[in-house]
N, C-alpha and C. Protein backbone atom coordinates (compact mmCIF):
# COMPACT_ATOMS: atom_id res chain seq x y z
N UNK A 1 0.82 -1.18 0.00
CA UNK A 1 0.00 0.00 0.00
C UNK A 1 0.87 1.25 0.00
N UNK A 2 1.88 1.22 0.81
CA UNK A 2 2.78 2.34 0.91
C UNK A 2 3.46 2.60 -0.43
N UNK A 3 3.85 1.55 -1.12
CA UNK A 3 4.50 1.69 -2.41
C UNK A 3 3.54 2.27 -3.44
N UNK A 4 2.27 1.86 -3.39
CA UNK A 4 1.26 2.36 -4.33
C UNK A 4 1.02 3.85 -4.06
N UNK A 5 0.90 4.19 -2.80
CA UNK A 5 0.68 5.59 -2.43
C UNK A 5 1.87 6.46 -2.87
N UNK A 6 3.10 5.96 -2.64
CA UNK A 6 4.30 6.70 -3.05
C UNK A 6 4.33 6.84 -4.56
N UNK A 7 3.92 5.82 -5.31
CA UNK A 7 3.90 5.88 -6.78
C UNK A 7 2.89 6.93 -7.25
N UNK A 8 1.72 7.00 -6.60
CA UNK A 8 0.72 8.01 -6.96
C UNK A 8 1.23 9.43 -6.66
N UNK A 9 1.83 9.60 -5.51
CA UNK A 9 2.37 10.91 -5.15
C UNK A 9 3.46 11.31 -6.13
N UNK A 10 4.35 10.39 -6.47
CA UNK A 10 5.41 10.68 -7.44
C UNK A 10 4.83 11.04 -8.81
N UNK A 11 3.77 10.32 -9.19
CA UNK A 11 3.13 10.60 -10.49
C UNK A 11 2.48 11.98 -10.47
N UNK A 12 1.86 12.33 -9.35
CA UNK A 12 1.24 13.65 -9.23
C UNK A 12 2.30 14.75 -9.30
N UNK A 13 3.42 14.54 -8.59
CA UNK A 13 4.51 15.53 -8.63
C UNK A 13 5.06 15.66 -10.05
N UNK A 14 5.22 14.56 -10.74
CA UNK A 14 5.74 14.59 -12.10
C UNK A 14 4.77 15.35 -13.03
N UNK A 15 3.47 15.06 -12.89
CA UNK A 15 2.48 15.75 -13.71
C UNK A 15 2.44 17.24 -13.36
N UNK A 16 2.54 17.55 -12.08
CA UNK A 16 2.54 18.95 -11.64
C UNK A 16 3.77 19.69 -12.19
N UNK A 17 4.92 19.03 -12.13
CA UNK A 17 6.15 19.64 -12.65
C UNK A 17 6.05 19.84 -14.16
N UNK A 18 5.45 18.87 -14.85
CA UNK A 18 5.28 18.97 -16.31
C UNK A 18 4.32 20.12 -16.66
N UNK A 19 3.23 20.24 -15.92
CA UNK A 19 2.28 21.33 -16.16
C UNK A 19 2.91 22.70 -15.87
N UNK A 20 3.70 22.74 -14.80
CA UNK A 20 4.40 24.00 -14.47
C UNK A 20 5.38 24.38 -15.57
N UNK A 21 6.10 23.40 -16.10
CA UNK A 21 7.07 23.66 -17.17
C UNK A 21 6.34 24.18 -18.41
N UNK A 22 5.20 23.56 -18.76
CA UNK A 22 4.42 24.03 -19.91
C UNK A 22 3.91 25.45 -19.69
N UNK A 23 3.39 25.71 -18.51
CA UNK A 23 2.87 27.05 -18.20
C UNK A 23 3.98 28.10 -18.25
N UNK A 24 5.14 27.77 -17.67
CA UNK A 24 6.26 28.71 -17.70
C UNK A 24 6.73 28.96 -19.13
N UNK A 25 6.73 27.92 -19.95
CA UNK A 25 7.13 28.08 -21.35
C UNK A 25 6.14 29.01 -22.08
N UNK A 26 4.85 28.80 -21.85
CA UNK A 26 3.84 29.66 -22.47
C UNK A 26 3.97 31.11 -21.98
N UNK A 27 4.26 31.27 -20.69
CA UNK A 27 4.45 32.62 -20.16
C UNK A 27 5.65 33.31 -20.79
N UNK A 28 6.76 32.57 -20.94
CA UNK A 28 7.95 33.14 -21.58
C UNK A 28 7.66 33.55 -23.02
N UNK A 29 6.93 32.67 -23.74
CA UNK A 29 6.58 32.98 -25.13
C UNK A 29 5.68 34.22 -25.19
N UNK A 30 4.73 34.30 -24.27
CA UNK A 30 3.82 35.45 -24.25
C UNK A 30 4.57 36.74 -23.92
N UNK A 31 5.48 36.68 -22.96
CA UNK A 31 6.29 37.84 -22.62
C UNK A 31 7.14 38.25 -23.82
N UNK A 32 7.69 37.28 -24.53
CA UNK A 32 8.48 37.58 -25.72
C UNK A 32 7.62 38.24 -26.80
N UNK A 33 6.39 37.76 -26.97
CA UNK A 33 5.47 38.36 -27.95
C UNK A 33 5.15 39.81 -27.58
N UNK A 34 4.82 40.03 -26.32
CA UNK A 34 4.49 41.38 -25.87
C UNK A 34 5.69 42.31 -26.03
N UNK A 35 6.87 41.81 -25.68
CA UNK A 35 8.09 42.61 -25.82
C UNK A 35 8.33 42.97 -27.29
N UNK A 36 8.16 42.00 -28.17
CA UNK A 36 8.34 42.24 -29.60
C UNK A 36 7.32 43.26 -30.11
N UNK A 37 6.06 43.10 -29.69
CA UNK A 37 5.02 44.05 -30.11
C UNK A 37 5.34 45.47 -29.64
N UNK A 38 5.75 45.60 -28.39
CA UNK A 38 6.08 46.93 -27.86
C UNK A 38 7.29 47.53 -28.57
N UNK A 39 8.29 46.71 -28.83
CA UNK A 39 9.48 47.19 -29.53
C UNK A 39 9.13 47.65 -30.94
N UNK A 40 8.33 46.86 -31.64
CA UNK A 40 7.92 47.25 -33.00
C UNK A 40 7.08 48.52 -32.97
N UNK A 41 6.20 48.63 -31.98
CA UNK A 41 5.37 49.83 -31.88
C UNK A 41 6.22 51.07 -31.66
N UNK A 42 7.15 50.96 -30.72
CA UNK A 42 7.98 52.12 -30.39
C UNK A 42 8.89 52.49 -31.55
N UNK A 43 9.42 51.50 -32.27
CA UNK A 43 10.38 51.81 -33.33
C UNK A 43 9.73 52.10 -34.66
N UNK A 44 8.52 51.57 -34.93
CA UNK A 44 7.91 51.75 -36.25
C UNK A 44 6.59 52.51 -36.21
N UNK A 45 5.66 52.05 -35.44
CA UNK A 45 4.29 52.59 -35.49
C UNK A 45 4.15 53.92 -34.75
N UNK A 46 4.80 54.06 -33.62
CA UNK A 46 4.64 55.27 -32.82
C UNK A 46 5.13 56.53 -33.56
N UNK A 47 6.31 56.51 -34.20
CA UNK A 47 6.72 57.73 -34.92
C UNK A 47 5.72 58.13 -36.01
N UNK A 48 5.17 57.14 -36.71
CA UNK A 48 4.19 57.44 -37.75
C UNK A 48 2.93 58.05 -37.12
N UNK A 49 2.49 57.48 -36.01
CA UNK A 49 1.29 58.00 -35.33
C UNK A 49 1.53 59.42 -34.82
N UNK A 50 2.68 59.66 -34.24
CA UNK A 50 3.01 61.00 -33.73
C UNK A 50 3.07 62.00 -34.89
N UNK A 51 3.66 61.58 -36.00
CA UNK A 51 3.74 62.46 -37.16
C UNK A 51 2.35 62.81 -37.68
N UNK A 52 1.45 61.84 -37.73
CA UNK A 52 0.08 62.11 -38.17
C UNK A 52 -0.62 63.09 -37.23
N UNK A 53 -0.44 62.89 -35.93
CA UNK A 53 -1.07 63.79 -34.95
C UNK A 53 -0.53 65.20 -35.11
N UNK A 54 0.80 65.34 -35.25
CA UNK A 54 1.38 66.67 -35.42
C UNK A 54 0.89 67.34 -36.69
N UNK A 55 0.79 66.56 -37.78
CA UNK A 55 0.31 67.14 -39.03
C UNK A 55 -1.12 67.63 -38.89
N UNK A 56 -1.95 66.85 -38.23
CA UNK A 56 -3.34 67.28 -38.01
C UNK A 56 -3.39 68.54 -37.16
N UNK A 57 -2.63 68.54 -36.07
CA UNK A 57 -2.65 69.69 -35.16
C UNK A 57 -2.11 70.94 -35.85
N UNK A 58 -0.99 70.80 -36.58
CA UNK A 58 -0.43 71.96 -37.25
C UNK A 58 -1.36 72.45 -38.36
N UNK A 59 -2.04 71.52 -39.02
CA UNK A 59 -3.01 71.93 -40.04
C UNK A 59 -4.16 72.71 -39.41
N UNK A 60 -4.54 72.33 -38.20
CA UNK A 60 -5.63 73.03 -37.51
C UNK A 60 -5.15 74.37 -36.93
N UNK A 61 -3.91 74.41 -36.49
CA UNK A 61 -3.38 75.61 -35.85
C UNK A 61 -2.97 76.66 -36.88
N UNK A 62 -2.53 76.23 -38.06
CA UNK A 62 -2.01 77.16 -39.08
C UNK A 62 -2.95 78.30 -39.40
N UNK A 63 -4.21 78.04 -39.77
CA UNK A 63 -5.11 79.16 -40.08
C UNK A 63 -5.35 80.09 -38.89
N UNK A 64 -5.39 79.53 -37.70
CA UNK A 64 -5.61 80.37 -36.51
C UNK A 64 -4.42 81.31 -36.31
N UNK A 65 -3.23 80.78 -36.46
CA UNK A 65 -2.02 81.61 -36.31
C UNK A 65 -1.99 82.67 -37.42
N UNK A 66 -2.33 82.25 -38.63
CA UNK A 66 -2.33 83.21 -39.74
C UNK A 66 -3.33 84.33 -39.49
N UNK A 67 -4.51 83.99 -39.00
CA UNK A 67 -5.52 85.00 -38.71
C UNK A 67 -5.08 85.92 -37.58
N UNK A 68 -4.30 85.39 -36.65
CA UNK A 68 -3.85 86.22 -35.53
C UNK A 68 -2.68 87.12 -35.93
N UNK A 69 -1.82 86.65 -36.84
CA UNK A 69 -0.59 87.38 -37.16
C UNK A 69 -0.78 88.33 -38.35
N UNK A 70 -1.55 87.92 -39.34
CA UNK A 70 -1.62 88.71 -40.57
C UNK A 70 -2.24 90.10 -40.40
N UNK A 71 -3.33 90.30 -39.68
CA UNK A 71 -3.86 91.68 -39.57
C UNK A 71 -2.88 92.68 -38.97
N UNK A 72 -2.22 92.37 -37.86
CA UNK A 72 -1.24 93.35 -37.36
C UNK A 72 -0.09 93.57 -38.34
N UNK A 73 0.33 92.51 -39.02
CA UNK A 73 1.41 92.63 -40.00
C UNK A 73 0.97 93.52 -41.17
N UNK A 74 -0.27 93.33 -41.61
CA UNK A 74 -0.80 94.17 -42.69
C UNK A 74 -0.87 95.64 -42.24
N UNK A 75 -1.27 95.86 -41.01
CA UNK A 75 -1.33 97.23 -40.49
C UNK A 75 0.06 97.86 -40.46
N UNK A 76 1.05 97.11 -40.03
CA UNK A 76 2.41 97.64 -39.97
C UNK A 76 2.91 97.98 -41.37
N UNK A 77 2.68 97.07 -42.32
CA UNK A 77 3.13 97.33 -43.69
C UNK A 77 2.40 98.54 -44.27
N UNK A 78 1.08 98.60 -44.06
CA UNK A 78 0.30 99.73 -44.58
C UNK A 78 0.77 101.04 -43.97
N UNK A 79 1.02 101.05 -42.67
CA UNK A 79 1.48 102.26 -41.99
C UNK A 79 2.86 102.68 -42.51
N UNK A 80 3.74 101.72 -42.68
CA UNK A 80 5.09 102.01 -43.17
C UNK A 80 5.04 102.59 -44.58
N UNK A 81 4.25 101.94 -45.43
CA UNK A 81 4.14 102.43 -46.81
C UNK A 81 3.51 103.83 -46.82
N UNK A 82 2.48 104.01 -46.02
CA UNK A 82 1.81 105.31 -45.96
C UNK A 82 2.77 106.40 -45.49
N UNK A 83 3.53 106.11 -44.43
CA UNK A 83 4.49 107.09 -43.93
C UNK A 83 5.57 107.38 -44.96
N UNK A 84 6.00 106.34 -45.67
CA UNK A 84 7.02 106.52 -46.70
C UNK A 84 6.50 107.43 -47.81
N UNK A 85 5.24 107.21 -48.23
CA UNK A 85 4.66 108.08 -49.25
C UNK A 85 4.50 109.51 -48.74
N UNK A 86 4.14 109.66 -47.48
CA UNK A 86 3.98 111.01 -46.93
C UNK A 86 5.31 111.74 -46.91
N UNK A 87 6.39 111.04 -46.52
CA UNK A 87 7.71 111.66 -46.50
C UNK A 87 8.14 112.01 -47.91
N UNK A 88 7.93 111.09 -48.86
CA UNK A 88 8.30 111.36 -50.25
C UNK A 88 7.47 112.51 -50.81
N UNK A 89 6.19 112.54 -50.49
CA UNK A 89 5.34 113.62 -50.96
C UNK A 89 5.80 114.96 -50.40
N UNK A 90 6.17 114.97 -49.12
CA UNK A 90 6.66 116.20 -48.49
C UNK A 90 7.95 116.67 -49.17
N UNK A 91 8.85 115.72 -49.46
CA UNK A 91 10.10 116.09 -50.12
C UNK A 91 9.83 116.64 -51.52
N UNK A 92 8.95 116.00 -52.24
CA UNK A 92 8.61 116.50 -53.58
C UNK A 92 7.96 117.87 -53.50
N UNK A 93 7.12 118.07 -52.52
CA UNK A 93 6.47 119.37 -52.34
C UNK A 93 7.50 120.46 -52.03
N UNK A 94 8.45 120.14 -51.17
CA UNK A 94 9.50 121.10 -50.84
C UNK A 94 10.36 121.40 -52.05
N UNK A 95 10.68 120.35 -52.85
CA UNK A 95 11.48 120.58 -54.05
C UNK A 95 10.74 121.47 -55.04
N UNK A 96 9.44 121.25 -55.17
CA UNK A 96 8.68 122.10 -56.10
C UNK A 96 8.63 123.54 -55.59
N UNK A 97 8.51 123.72 -54.27
CA UNK A 97 8.55 125.08 -53.71
C UNK A 97 9.91 125.73 -53.95
N UNK A 98 10.97 124.93 -53.80
CA UNK A 98 12.31 125.48 -54.03
C UNK A 98 12.48 125.86 -55.49
N UNK A 99 11.97 125.04 -56.38
CA UNK A 99 12.05 125.36 -57.80
C UNK A 99 11.27 126.63 -58.10
N UNK A 100 10.10 126.75 -57.48
CA UNK A 100 9.30 127.95 -57.66
C UNK A 100 10.05 129.17 -57.14
N UNK A 101 10.71 129.04 -56.02
CA UNK A 101 11.48 130.14 -55.44
C UNK A 101 12.61 130.53 -56.39
N UNK A 102 13.25 129.49 -57.03
CA UNK A 102 14.31 129.77 -57.99
C UNK A 102 13.78 130.57 -59.17
N UNK A 103 12.61 130.18 -59.60
CA UNK A 103 12.03 130.89 -60.74
C UNK A 103 11.71 132.33 -60.35
N UNK A 104 11.19 132.49 -59.16
CA UNK A 104 10.77 133.83 -58.74
C UNK A 104 11.98 134.70 -58.43
N UNK A 105 12.94 134.18 -57.67
CA UNK A 105 14.04 135.02 -57.20
C UNK A 105 15.31 134.86 -58.03
N UNK A 106 15.41 133.80 -58.83
CA UNK A 106 16.56 133.62 -59.70
C UNK A 106 17.86 133.36 -58.98
N UNK A 107 17.82 132.74 -57.85
CA UNK A 107 19.03 132.46 -57.09
C UNK A 107 19.41 130.97 -57.25
N UNK A 108 20.66 130.68 -56.97
CA UNK A 108 21.13 129.28 -57.06
C UNK A 108 20.87 128.56 -55.75
N UNK A 109 20.27 127.37 -55.88
CA UNK A 109 20.00 126.53 -54.70
C UNK A 109 20.55 125.14 -55.01
N UNK A 110 21.27 124.59 -54.06
CA UNK A 110 21.79 123.24 -54.21
C UNK A 110 20.93 122.29 -53.37
N UNK A 111 20.38 121.32 -54.04
CA UNK A 111 19.52 120.36 -53.33
C UNK A 111 20.32 119.08 -53.14
N UNK A 112 20.42 118.68 -51.91
CA UNK A 112 21.14 117.44 -51.60
C UNK A 112 20.14 116.28 -51.56
N UNK A 113 20.47 115.21 -52.24
CA UNK A 113 19.61 114.03 -52.22
C UNK A 113 19.89 113.25 -50.95
N UNK A 114 18.87 112.67 -50.40
CA UNK A 114 19.05 111.90 -49.18
C UNK A 114 19.03 110.43 -49.49
C-alpha cells in the first residue's frame, strides 16, 4: 500500500512539474510576444502616429495663427508704406517750392539728395 501511495504521489509531482514547465514556457513565449510588439510599436508605429497627430494639429493651428498674425502685420506694412509716401510727398512738395522760389528770385539753390 505504501508503495502504491508513493507511486501516486510521485506521479502527481511529475504531472505537476510537467504542467508548471508548460505554463512557464507559455508565459515566456507570451512575454516575448508582448516585448516584440512593444518594440515594434515604439520603433515603427509610434513615430508614424506622432507624425500624423502633429500634421493634423499643425493643419488646424495654421489658419488660426495666420488670422492672428496677418492683420497686425498688414497694419504695420500699410502704416510704413503710408508714412514713406507722406515723407516722399513732403520732399517733392518742398522741391517744387524750391524750384518755384528759384524761378521767382533767380538764385542758385543746391539740393542734396538723401
